[in-house]
Amino acid sequence: RGLGRLVGRNWFHLAETLDEAIAANPDAYELYISKGNYFAQRKQYGEAEKAYLTAIAKDPENIWPYLVAAAFYDAAGFKDKVIPMFQQALDA
C-alpha cells in the first residue's frame, strides 16, 4: 500500500520503482513481497509466486515471507499449496 501511494497508484511506475529498489537492495526480502503483491493485484499469478518464493529464498529463516505466500495461494485459489506453505513456515 505504501509504495502504491508513493507513486500515485500508477502501476507502471510502481513496477519500475520496485525494480530500481531491488537493484539497489537485492537481499531485501520485503521488496520481493511488494513485487509479489504488485503481480497478484494484476492477477499475474506466476510472476507473483516467483516473487514470493524469491522473498523466502532471501531470508529462509524468517516466517513472514512464508505466511504472505500462503495467504497469496489461498486468495489466488491455489488451495493445494496453502497447507504445505504453512508447514514450511513452521519449519523455518
N, C-alpha and C. Protein backbone atom coordinates (compact mmCIF):
# COMPACT_ATOMS: atom_id res chain seq x y z
N ARG A 1 0.81 -1.20 0.00
CA ARG A 1 0.00 0.00 0.00
C ARG A 1 0.85 1.26 0.00
N GLY A 2 1.87 1.31 0.82
CA GLY A 2 2.72 2.48 0.92
C GLY A 2 3.37 2.83 -0.41
N LEU A 3 3.90 1.83 -1.11
CA LEU A 3 4.52 2.10 -2.40
C LEU A 3 3.49 2.58 -3.41
N GLY A 4 2.28 2.05 -3.33
CA GLY A 4 1.23 2.49 -4.24
C GLY A 4 0.93 3.96 -4.08
N ARG A 5 0.87 4.41 -2.85
CA ARG A 5 0.64 5.84 -2.61
C ARG A 5 1.84 6.66 -3.06
N LEU A 6 3.03 6.11 -2.88
CA LEU A 6 4.25 6.81 -3.24
C LEU A 6 4.27 7.17 -4.72
N VAL A 7 3.79 6.30 -5.54
CA VAL A 7 3.82 6.56 -6.98
C VAL A 7 2.44 6.91 -7.52
N GLY A 8 1.54 7.31 -6.66
CA GLY A 8 0.23 7.76 -7.09
C GLY A 8 -0.62 6.71 -7.77
N ARG A 9 -0.48 5.47 -7.34
CA ARG A 9 -1.26 4.36 -7.89
C ARG A 9 -1.02 4.13 -9.38
N ASN A 10 0.08 4.63 -9.89
CA ASN A 10 0.44 4.39 -11.28
C ASN A 10 1.21 3.08 -11.34
N TRP A 11 0.55 2.04 -11.84
CA TRP A 11 1.11 0.69 -11.78
C TRP A 11 2.42 0.56 -12.54
N PHE A 12 2.53 1.23 -13.66
CA PHE A 12 3.78 1.14 -14.43
C PHE A 12 4.94 1.69 -13.61
N HIS A 13 4.72 2.84 -13.00
CA HIS A 13 5.79 3.44 -12.20
C HIS A 13 6.07 2.62 -10.94
N LEU A 14 5.05 1.98 -10.43
CA LEU A 14 5.26 1.12 -9.26
C LEU A 14 6.20 -0.03 -9.62
N ALA A 15 5.96 -0.67 -10.74
CA ALA A 15 6.83 -1.77 -11.16
C ALA A 15 8.26 -1.27 -11.37
N GLU A 16 8.38 -0.13 -12.00
CA GLU A 16 9.70 0.46 -12.23
C GLU A 16 10.39 0.80 -10.91
N THR A 17 9.66 1.37 -9.99
CA THR A 17 10.20 1.72 -8.68
C THR A 17 10.65 0.47 -7.92
N LEU A 18 9.85 -0.59 -7.97
CA LEU A 18 10.23 -1.84 -7.31
C LEU A 18 11.50 -2.42 -7.93
N ASP A 19 11.58 -2.42 -9.23
CA ASP A 19 12.78 -2.94 -9.89
C ASP A 19 14.02 -2.15 -9.50
N GLU A 20 13.89 -0.83 -9.42
CA GLU A 20 15.02 0.01 -9.01
C GLU A 20 15.41 -0.27 -7.56
N ALA A 21 14.41 -0.41 -6.70
CA ALA A 21 14.69 -0.68 -5.29
C ALA A 21 15.36 -2.04 -5.12
N ILE A 22 14.90 -3.04 -5.87
CA ILE A 22 15.51 -4.38 -5.80
C ILE A 22 16.94 -4.35 -6.33
N ALA A 23 17.18 -3.60 -7.39
CA ALA A 23 18.54 -3.50 -7.92
C ALA A 23 19.48 -2.88 -6.89
N ALA A 24 18.98 -1.94 -6.11
CA ALA A 24 19.80 -1.27 -5.10
C ALA A 24 19.91 -2.10 -3.82
N ASN A 25 18.93 -2.97 -3.56
CA ASN A 25 18.88 -3.76 -2.33
C ASN A 25 18.47 -5.20 -2.66
N PRO A 26 19.30 -5.94 -3.36
CA PRO A 26 18.88 -7.26 -3.86
C PRO A 26 18.58 -8.30 -2.79
N ASP A 27 19.01 -8.07 -1.56
CA ASP A 27 18.75 -9.04 -0.50
C ASP A 27 17.57 -8.67 0.39
N ALA A 28 16.88 -7.59 0.07
CA ALA A 28 15.75 -7.13 0.89
C ALA A 28 14.49 -7.93 0.52
N TYR A 29 14.19 -8.93 1.33
CA TYR A 29 13.05 -9.80 1.04
C TYR A 29 11.74 -9.02 0.95
N GLU A 30 11.64 -7.93 1.71
CA GLU A 30 10.41 -7.14 1.73
C GLU A 30 10.06 -6.59 0.34
N LEU A 31 11.08 -6.27 -0.43
CA LEU A 31 10.84 -5.74 -1.77
C LEU A 31 10.27 -6.81 -2.69
N TYR A 32 10.69 -8.04 -2.50
CA TYR A 32 10.13 -9.13 -3.31
C TYR A 32 8.68 -9.41 -2.91
N ILE A 33 8.37 -9.25 -1.63
CA ILE A 33 6.97 -9.37 -1.20
C ILE A 33 6.14 -8.28 -1.87
N SER A 34 6.65 -7.06 -1.88
CA SER A 34 5.94 -5.97 -2.54
C SER A 34 5.76 -6.25 -4.03
N LYS A 35 6.78 -6.81 -4.65
CA LYS A 35 6.68 -7.15 -6.07
C LYS A 35 5.64 -8.26 -6.27
N GLY A 36 5.63 -9.22 -5.38
CA GLY A 36 4.60 -10.27 -5.44
C GLY A 36 3.21 -9.69 -5.30
N ASN A 37 3.05 -8.75 -4.38
CA ASN A 37 1.75 -8.11 -4.20
C ASN A 37 1.34 -7.36 -5.46
N TYR A 38 2.29 -6.69 -6.09
CA TYR A 38 2.03 -5.98 -7.33
C TYR A 38 1.49 -6.94 -8.39
N PHE A 39 2.18 -8.05 -8.59
CA PHE A 39 1.75 -9.01 -9.61
C PHE A 39 0.43 -9.69 -9.23
N ALA A 40 0.25 -9.98 -7.95
CA ALA A 40 -1.01 -10.60 -7.52
C ALA A 40 -2.19 -9.67 -7.79
N GLN A 41 -2.03 -8.38 -7.54
CA GLN A 41 -3.09 -7.41 -7.82
C GLN A 41 -3.44 -7.40 -9.30
N ARG A 42 -2.46 -7.64 -10.14
CA ARG A 42 -2.68 -7.64 -11.59
C ARG A 42 -3.05 -9.03 -12.11
N LYS A 43 -3.25 -9.96 -11.17
CA LYS A 43 -3.60 -11.34 -11.49
C LYS A 43 -2.55 -12.04 -12.38
N GLN A 44 -1.31 -11.63 -12.21
CA GLN A 44 -0.19 -12.29 -12.87
C GLN A 44 0.40 -13.27 -11.84
N TYR A 45 -0.32 -14.36 -11.65
CA TYR A 45 -0.03 -15.25 -10.54
C TYR A 45 1.32 -15.95 -10.64
N GLY A 46 1.75 -16.29 -11.82
CA GLY A 46 3.06 -16.92 -11.98
C GLY A 46 4.18 -16.01 -11.53
N GLU A 47 4.09 -14.75 -11.93
CA GLU A 47 5.11 -13.77 -11.52
C GLU A 47 5.01 -13.48 -10.03
N ALA A 48 3.79 -13.44 -9.51
CA ALA A 48 3.61 -13.20 -8.07
C ALA A 48 4.24 -14.33 -7.26
N GLU A 49 3.96 -15.56 -7.65
CA GLU A 49 4.53 -16.71 -6.94
C GLU A 49 6.05 -16.66 -6.98
N LYS A 50 6.59 -16.36 -8.14
CA LYS A 50 8.05 -16.27 -8.29
C LYS A 50 8.64 -15.24 -7.33
N ALA A 51 7.99 -14.09 -7.22
CA ALA A 51 8.47 -13.04 -6.32
C ALA A 51 8.38 -13.48 -4.86
N TYR A 52 7.27 -14.10 -4.47
CA TYR A 52 7.12 -14.56 -3.09
C TYR A 52 8.16 -15.64 -2.75
N LEU A 53 8.39 -16.55 -3.67
CA LEU A 53 9.39 -17.59 -3.42
C LEU A 53 10.80 -17.02 -3.36
N THR A 54 11.04 -15.97 -4.12
CA THR A 54 12.34 -15.30 -4.02
C THR A 54 12.48 -14.64 -2.65
N ALA A 55 11.40 -14.05 -2.15
CA ALA A 55 11.43 -13.45 -0.80
C ALA A 55 11.81 -14.50 0.24
N ILE A 56 11.24 -15.68 0.11
CA ILE A 56 11.56 -16.77 1.03
C ILE A 56 13.04 -17.15 0.91
N ALA A 57 13.52 -17.26 -0.31
CA ALA A 57 14.92 -17.64 -0.53
C ALA A 57 15.89 -16.60 0.03
N LYS A 58 15.49 -15.34 0.03
CA LYS A 58 16.36 -14.28 0.54
C LYS A 58 16.52 -14.34 2.05
N ASP A 59 15.49 -14.83 2.74
CA ASP A 59 15.55 -14.90 4.21
C ASP A 59 14.78 -16.13 4.69
N PRO A 60 15.32 -17.32 4.45
CA PRO A 60 14.57 -18.56 4.71
C PRO A 60 14.24 -18.84 6.17
N GLU A 61 14.88 -18.14 7.08
CA GLU A 61 14.58 -18.36 8.50
C GLU A 61 13.51 -17.41 9.01
N ASN A 62 13.06 -16.50 8.17
CA ASN A 62 12.04 -15.52 8.54
C ASN A 62 10.67 -16.09 8.16
N ILE A 63 9.76 -16.14 9.10
CA ILE A 63 8.45 -16.74 8.87
C ILE A 63 7.54 -15.88 7.99
N TRP A 64 7.74 -14.55 7.99
CA TRP A 64 6.82 -13.65 7.30
C TRP A 64 6.65 -13.95 5.81
N PRO A 65 7.71 -14.13 5.03
CA PRO A 65 7.51 -14.42 3.61
C PRO A 65 6.70 -15.69 3.35
N TYR A 66 6.85 -16.69 4.20
CA TYR A 66 6.06 -17.92 4.06
C TYR A 66 4.58 -17.63 4.28
N LEU A 67 4.28 -16.84 5.30
CA LEU A 67 2.89 -16.53 5.60
C LEU A 67 2.25 -15.71 4.49
N VAL A 68 3.01 -14.77 3.94
CA VAL A 68 2.50 -13.97 2.82
C VAL A 68 2.23 -14.88 1.62
N ALA A 69 3.16 -15.79 1.34
CA ALA A 69 2.98 -16.72 0.22
C ALA A 69 1.76 -17.60 0.44
N ALA A 70 1.57 -18.08 1.66
CA ALA A 70 0.40 -18.92 1.96
C ALA A 70 -0.90 -18.13 1.76
N ALA A 71 -0.91 -16.88 2.20
CA ALA A 71 -2.10 -16.04 2.01
C ALA A 71 -2.35 -15.80 0.52
N PHE A 72 -1.29 -15.60 -0.24
CA PHE A 72 -1.42 -15.44 -1.68
C PHE A 72 -2.04 -16.70 -2.30
N TYR A 73 -1.50 -17.86 -1.95
CA TYR A 73 -2.02 -19.10 -2.51
C TYR A 73 -3.51 -19.25 -2.20
N ASP A 74 -3.89 -18.92 -0.99
CA ASP A 74 -5.30 -19.02 -0.60
C ASP A 74 -6.15 -18.06 -1.42
N ALA A 75 -5.75 -16.81 -1.50
CA ALA A 75 -6.53 -15.79 -2.21
C ALA A 75 -6.60 -16.07 -3.72
N ALA A 76 -5.53 -16.64 -4.27
CA ALA A 76 -5.47 -16.90 -5.71
C ALA A 76 -6.14 -18.22 -6.09
N GLY A 77 -6.57 -18.98 -5.09
CA GLY A 77 -7.27 -20.23 -5.37
C GLY A 77 -6.39 -21.45 -5.49
N PHE A 78 -5.13 -21.33 -5.10
CA PHE A 78 -4.21 -22.47 -5.13
C PHE A 78 -4.26 -23.18 -3.78
N LYS A 79 -5.42 -23.71 -3.47
CA LYS A 79 -5.67 -24.28 -2.14
C LYS A 79 -4.73 -25.41 -1.79
N ASP A 80 -4.26 -26.16 -2.79
CA ASP A 80 -3.37 -27.29 -2.52
C ASP A 80 -1.99 -26.85 -2.05
N LYS A 81 -1.68 -25.57 -2.20
CA LYS A 81 -0.36 -25.07 -1.81
C LYS A 81 -0.36 -24.35 -0.46
N VAL A 82 -1.55 -24.11 0.09
CA VAL A 82 -1.66 -23.32 1.33
C VAL A 82 -1.04 -24.07 2.52
N ILE A 83 -1.51 -25.27 2.79
CA ILE A 83 -1.04 -26.03 3.96
C ILE A 83 0.45 -26.33 3.86
N PRO A 84 0.95 -26.79 2.70
CA PRO A 84 2.40 -27.01 2.61
C PRO A 84 3.23 -25.75 2.89
N MET A 85 2.72 -24.60 2.49
CA MET A 85 3.46 -23.37 2.75
C MET A 85 3.44 -23.04 4.25
N PHE A 86 2.29 -23.25 4.89
CA PHE A 86 2.24 -23.05 6.34
C PHE A 86 3.21 -24.01 7.04
N GLN A 87 3.29 -25.25 6.54
CA GLN A 87 4.21 -26.22 7.14
C GLN A 87 5.66 -25.75 6.99
N GLN A 88 5.99 -25.21 5.83
CA GLN A 88 7.34 -24.68 5.62
C GLN A 88 7.61 -23.53 6.59
N ALA A 89 6.59 -22.72 6.85
CA ALA A 89 6.75 -21.61 7.79
C ALA A 89 7.08 -22.15 9.19
N LEU A 90 6.41 -23.21 9.58
CA LEU A 90 6.67 -23.79 10.89
C LEU A 90 8.07 -24.38 10.98
N ASP A 91 8.56 -24.85 9.85
CA ASP A 91 9.90 -25.46 9.82
C ASP A 91 11.02 -24.43 9.68
N ALA A 92 10.67 -23.19 9.40
CA ALA A 92 11.69 -22.15 9.16
C ALA A 92 12.44 -21.82 10.42
